[in-house]
Amino acid sequence: MLVVSLLFGVLLGGLIEVLQFFTGRYMEWQDIFTDMLGALLGFLVVQYSRPLMLRPMGNLSNPVIVLLSIIVLLVAFYSVFYIVKDELMMEADFPMIADFESEETLARWDNEFVEQFVIDNQLKTEGKSSALVEFGIGDYPGAALEVIYPDWSAYTFLNISIHNDQSDNLDVEVKVYDRQHQQTGYEYSDRFNHEVSIKPGWSTLQIKLLDILNSPQGRTMDISDIAGFSLFIHDPDEIKRIHLDNIHLSN
């Protein structure tokens, strides 16, 4: 029963990751591990909920059941610890939104049709590193920051350092939205969209938060409850590369 549960978790998780790859998203071994953990947890729930005499693995003192229970609890507590630690780091770094000084910061981003999204020590504006983003061929390849400190209300500008690795200008679109936008169906007219042509080399893009505030049609954006920020390009016919660094708010 245990082997079947784990095998089912691995096969189903692996199938989902393979299908996800064809939609332009990353395949992540961590997700398969999470699926295995879910299968293991389901197995334990069944074991503990069955009447004592019907448990094929014996009573609750069975060493295998006890060991599996401890493993599940340790992994669960580690996940909670990691989330709390990341939240505290994000709050301490604010108004720095992303400086790409560690691999941990990449876990806050979600990417679609992106070939690479990695820390790079060769190009940077300050500090020791930046993020290399390699946009693949697709409808809207982009990098989206989805774990973000929400309250931007005390600041005036959003600043983004972008290095265009191409030899000619590259059109990049910036998207910002609040939590209400998520709850009302992600309408294009209900968020901030700004396209800018980035020249080769480093450029600093500065966006007024007042423009973000007034961008949704029929309402103002709640800049005390920002939910996401992303950069993407439109329908590239070849791979495009940029570097990102020092994304922060200022007055």
Protein backbone atom coordinates (compact mmCIF):
# COMPACT_ATOMS: atom_id res chain seq x y z
CA MET A 1 0.00 0.00 0.00
CA LEU A 2 2.83 2.41 0.92
CA VAL A 3 4.77 1.63 -2.27
CA VAL A 4 1.64 2.06 -4.39
CA SER A 5 0.87 5.43 -2.76
CA LEU A 6 4.39 6.76 -3.33
CA LEU A 7 4.54 5.40 -6.87
CA PHE A 8 1.21 7.03 -7.72
CA GLY A 9 2.44 10.34 -6.30
CA VAL A 10 5.66 10.21 -8.33
CA LEU A 11 3.94 9.22 -11.59
CA LEU A 12 1.15 11.79 -11.30
CA GLY A 13 3.55 14.54 -10.21
CA GLY A 14 5.99 13.69 -12.98
CA LEU A 15 3.21 13.74 -15.60
CA ILE A 16 2.06 17.18 -14.40
CA GLU A 17 5.64 18.52 -14.56
CA VAL A 18 6.13 17.18 -18.11
CA LEU A 19 2.87 18.77 -19.27
CA GLN A 20 3.83 21.99 -17.50
CA PHE A 21 7.09 22.08 -19.46
CA PHE A 22 5.17 22.20 -22.77
CA THR A 23 3.27 25.28 -21.55
CA GLY A 24 6.54 27.15 -21.09
CA ARG A 25 6.88 26.70 -17.33
CA TYR A 26 9.83 25.14 -15.53
CA MET A 27 9.91 21.50 -14.54
CA GLU A 28 10.83 21.43 -10.84
CA TRP A 29 11.95 18.37 -8.87
CA GLN A 30 10.75 20.12 -5.70
CA ASP A 31 7.17 19.88 -6.98
CA ILE A 32 7.52 16.13 -7.52
CA PHE A 33 8.89 15.79 -3.98
CA THR A 34 5.89 17.73 -2.69
CA ASP A 35 3.57 15.36 -4.55
CA MET A 36 5.36 12.40 -2.92
CA LEU A 37 4.95 14.03 0.47
CA GLY A 38 1.23 14.48 -0.22
CA ALA A 39 0.90 10.81 -1.16
CA LEU A 40 2.76 9.81 2.01
CA LEU A 41 0.53 12.04 4.11
CA GLY A 42 -2.57 10.53 2.51
CA PHE A 43 -1.26 7.05 3.30
CA LEU A 44 -0.71 7.99 6.95
CA VAL A 45 -4.17 9.54 7.25
CA VAL A 46 -5.71 6.31 5.97
CA GLN A 47 -3.61 4.24 8.37
CA TYR A 48 -4.47 6.33 11.40
CA SER A 49 -8.18 6.59 10.57
CA ARG A 50 -8.80 2.89 10.03
CA PRO A 51 -10.02 0.76 12.95
CA LEU A 52 -7.11 -0.78 14.83
CA MET A 53 -7.83 -4.40 13.84
CA LEU A 54 -8.02 -3.50 10.15
CA ARG A 55 -4.61 -1.84 9.96
CA PRO A 56 -2.34 -4.14 7.92
CA MET A 57 0.73 -2.48 9.38
CA GLY A 58 -0.31 -3.00 12.98
CA ASN A 59 -1.11 -0.42 15.68
CA LEU A 60 0.10 3.15 16.03
CA SER A 61 3.35 2.03 17.66
CA ASN A 62 4.49 0.32 14.45
CA PRO A 63 8.04 1.68 13.84
CA VAL A 64 7.41 2.28 10.14
CA ILE A 65 4.26 4.33 10.81
CA VAL A 66 6.00 6.31 13.57
CA LEU A 67 9.04 7.01 11.38
CA LEU A 68 6.93 8.13 8.42
CA SER A 69 4.89 10.38 10.72
CA ILE A 70 8.06 12.03 12.03
CA ILE A 71 9.36 12.58 8.48
CA VAL A 72 6.10 14.22 7.40
CA LEU A 73 6.10 16.50 10.46
CA LEU A 74 9.74 17.51 9.97
CA VAL A 75 9.23 18.34 6.30
CA ALA A 76 6.04 20.25 7.06
CA PHE A 77 7.72 22.30 9.79
CA TYR A 78 10.70 22.99 7.52
CA SER A 79 8.38 24.33 4.82
CA VAL A 80 6.66 26.64 7.31
CA PHE A 81 10.05 27.76 8.66
CA TYR A 82 11.29 28.53 5.15
CA ILE A 83 8.18 30.58 4.31
CA VAL A 84 8.40 32.59 7.55
CA LYS A 85 12.14 33.16 7.06
CA ASP A 86 11.58 34.39 3.49
CA GLU A 87 8.78 36.73 4.60
CA LEU A 88 11.05 38.25 7.26
CA MET A 89 13.91 38.65 4.75
CA MET A 90 11.58 40.31 2.24
CA GLU A 91 10.29 42.74 4.87
CA ALA A 92 13.82 43.55 6.07
CA ASP A 93 15.06 44.24 2.52
CA PHE A 94 12.12 46.49 1.59
CA PRO A 95 11.97 48.94 -0.25
CA MET A 96 14.41 46.73 -2.18
CA ILE A 97 12.12 44.41 -4.13
CA ALA A 98 14.75 42.24 -5.84
CA ASP A 99 18.55 42.62 -5.76
CA PHE A 100 19.38 39.05 -6.89
CA GLU A 101 22.18 38.69 -4.37
CA SER A 102 21.23 35.10 -3.52
CA GLU A 103 19.68 32.06 -5.15
CA GLU A 104 16.86 32.13 -2.59
CA THR A 105 15.34 35.24 -4.17
CA LEU A 106 14.70 33.36 -7.44
CA ALA A 107 12.13 31.15 -5.69
CA ARG A 108 9.80 34.17 -5.46
CA TRP A 109 9.53 34.37 -9.25
CA ASP A 110 7.39 32.43 -11.69
CA ASN A 111 8.45 32.14 -15.32
CA GLU A 112 6.66 31.24 -18.55
CA PHE A 113 8.47 30.47 -21.80
CA VAL A 114 11.76 31.42 -20.11
CA GLU A 115 14.80 29.34 -21.07
CA GLN A 116 16.96 30.55 -18.18
CA PHE A 117 16.40 32.52 -15.00
CA VAL A 118 19.62 32.34 -12.99
CA ILE A 119 21.96 34.38 -10.82
CA ASP A 120 24.84 35.85 -12.85
CA ASN A 121 28.02 37.29 -11.32
CA GLN A 122 29.36 38.80 -14.54
CA LEU A 123 26.97 41.73 -15.05
CA LYS A 124 25.56 43.86 -12.23
CA THR A 125 24.86 47.48 -11.32
CA GLU A 126 25.81 47.07 -7.67
CA GLY A 127 26.44 44.24 -5.25
CA LYS A 128 27.86 40.97 -6.52
CA SER A 129 25.26 39.66 -8.98
CA SER A 130 22.19 40.19 -11.13
CA ALA A 131 19.61 37.87 -12.72
CA LEU A 132 20.04 36.58 -16.25
CA VAL A 133 16.65 36.18 -17.94
CA GLU A 134 16.57 34.35 -21.26
CA PHE A 135 13.18 34.71 -22.91
CA GLY A 136 12.19 31.78 -25.10
CA ILE A 137 9.97 31.70 -28.17
CA GLY A 138 6.32 31.97 -27.21
CA ASP A 139 3.33 34.29 -27.03
CA TYR A 140 4.36 36.28 -23.95
CA PRO A 141 7.54 34.95 -22.36
CA GLY A 142 8.03 36.66 -19.03
CA ALA A 143 9.31 36.67 -15.46
CA ALA A 144 6.73 37.37 -12.75
CA LEU A 145 7.45 38.26 -9.13
CA GLU A 146 4.55 36.71 -7.25
CA VAL A 147 5.90 36.75 -3.69
CA ILE A 148 6.19 40.46 -2.99
CA TYR A 149 5.98 42.94 -0.13
CA PRO A 150 2.56 44.50 -0.76
CA ASP A 151 2.53 48.01 0.73
CA TRP A 152 4.09 50.48 -1.73
CA SER A 153 2.03 53.46 -0.52
CA ALA A 154 4.90 55.35 1.16
CA TYR A 155 6.95 55.62 -2.05
CA THR A 156 6.93 57.60 -5.28
CA PHE A 157 8.87 55.60 -7.86
CA LEU A 158 9.44 52.01 -8.98
CA ASN A 159 13.01 51.63 -10.27
CA ILE A 160 14.24 48.75 -12.45
CA SER A 161 17.78 48.27 -13.75
CA ILE A 162 17.69 46.36 -17.05
CA HIS A 163 20.61 45.30 -19.23
CA ASN A 164 19.62 44.64 -22.84
CA ASP A 165 22.05 41.96 -24.07
CA GLN A 166 21.04 42.44 -27.72
CA SER A 167 22.77 44.78 -30.14
CA ASP A 168 19.51 46.63 -30.93
CA ASN A 169 16.62 47.99 -28.89
CA LEU A 170 14.32 45.53 -27.11
CA ASP A 171 10.67 46.28 -26.30
CA VAL A 172 9.81 45.12 -22.78
CA GLU A 173 6.44 45.42 -21.06
CA VAL A 174 6.10 46.01 -17.32
CA LYS A 175 2.96 44.79 -15.53
CA VAL A 176 1.88 45.63 -11.97
CA TYR A 177 -1.39 44.61 -10.31
CA ASP A 178 -3.04 44.53 -6.89
CA ARG A 179 -4.96 41.81 -5.09
CA GLN A 180 -8.31 43.10 -6.32
CA HIS A 181 -7.12 42.51 -9.88
CA GLN A 182 -6.54 38.85 -9.01
CA GLN A 183 -10.02 38.55 -7.56
CA THR A 184 -11.80 40.11 -10.55
CA GLY A 185 -10.42 37.98 -13.37
CA TYR A 186 -7.10 39.54 -14.46
CA GLU A 187 -8.66 41.94 -16.98
CA TYR A 188 -6.08 43.75 -19.10
CA SER A 189 -7.70 47.14 -18.43
CA ASP A 190 -7.64 46.56 -14.67
CA ARG A 191 -3.85 46.69 -14.18
CA PHE A 192 -0.78 48.73 -14.99
CA ASN A 193 0.85 47.94 -18.35
CA HIS A 194 3.77 49.94 -19.67
CA GLU A 195 5.87 49.11 -22.72
CA VAL A 196 9.34 50.62 -22.99
CA SER A 197 12.10 50.29 -25.59
CA ILE A 198 15.35 49.35 -23.86
CA LYS A 199 18.58 50.33 -25.59
CA PRO A 200 21.60 47.98 -25.56
CA GLY A 201 23.50 47.95 -22.27
CA TRP A 202 22.27 49.06 -18.85
CA SER A 203 19.21 51.29 -18.48
CA THR A 204 17.33 52.39 -15.38
CA LEU A 205 13.58 52.44 -15.84
CA GLN A 206 11.79 54.72 -13.37
CA ILE A 207 7.98 54.49 -13.14
CA LYS A 208 5.82 56.87 -11.14
CA LEU A 209 3.64 55.05 -8.64
CA LEU A 210 1.01 57.69 -9.36
CA ASP A 211 0.79 56.26 -12.90
CA ILE A 212 0.36 52.78 -11.42
CA LEU A 213 -2.27 54.09 -9.02
CA ASN A 214 -4.36 55.55 -11.84
CA SER A 215 -3.88 52.77 -14.39
CA PRO A 216 -7.00 50.57 -13.87
CA GLN A 217 -10.11 51.73 -15.69
CA GLY A 218 -12.95 52.73 -13.38
CA ARG A 219 -10.99 52.58 -10.13
CA THR A 220 -7.63 53.32 -8.54
CA MET A 221 -5.13 50.58 -7.83
CA ASP A 222 -4.60 49.73 -4.17
CA ILE A 223 -0.85 50.32 -3.91
CA SER A 224 -0.96 49.24 -0.27
CA ASP A 225 -1.89 45.74 -1.46
CA ILE A 226 0.27 45.02 -4.52
CA ALA A 227 0.11 41.35 -5.49
CA GLY A 228 2.41 40.99 -8.51
CA PHE A 229 4.96 42.52 -10.81
CA SER A 230 6.27 41.12 -14.09
CA LEU A 231 8.31 41.85 -17.19
CA PHE A 232 7.60 40.18 -20.52
CA ILE A 233 8.06 40.62 -24.25
CA HIS A 234 5.65 40.10 -27.16
CA ASP A 235 5.96 37.13 -29.53
CA PRO A 236 9.75 36.93 -29.99
CA ASP A 237 10.87 34.93 -33.02
CA GLU A 238 14.20 34.14 -31.36
CA ILE A 239 15.65 33.91 -27.85
CA LYS A 240 16.16 37.29 -26.16
CA ARG A 241 18.35 37.95 -23.13
CA ILE A 242 18.29 40.61 -20.45
CA HIS A 243 19.81 41.08 -17.01
CA LEU A 244 17.77 42.45 -14.08
CA ASP A 245 19.14 44.14 -11.00
CA ASN A 246 18.32 46.52 -8.19
CA ILE A 247 14.52 46.57 -8.47
CA HIS A 248 13.42 48.93 -5.70
CA LEU A 249 11.07 51.70 -4.62
CA SER A 250 12.20 55.25 -3.87
CA ASN A 251 10.98 58.78 -3.20
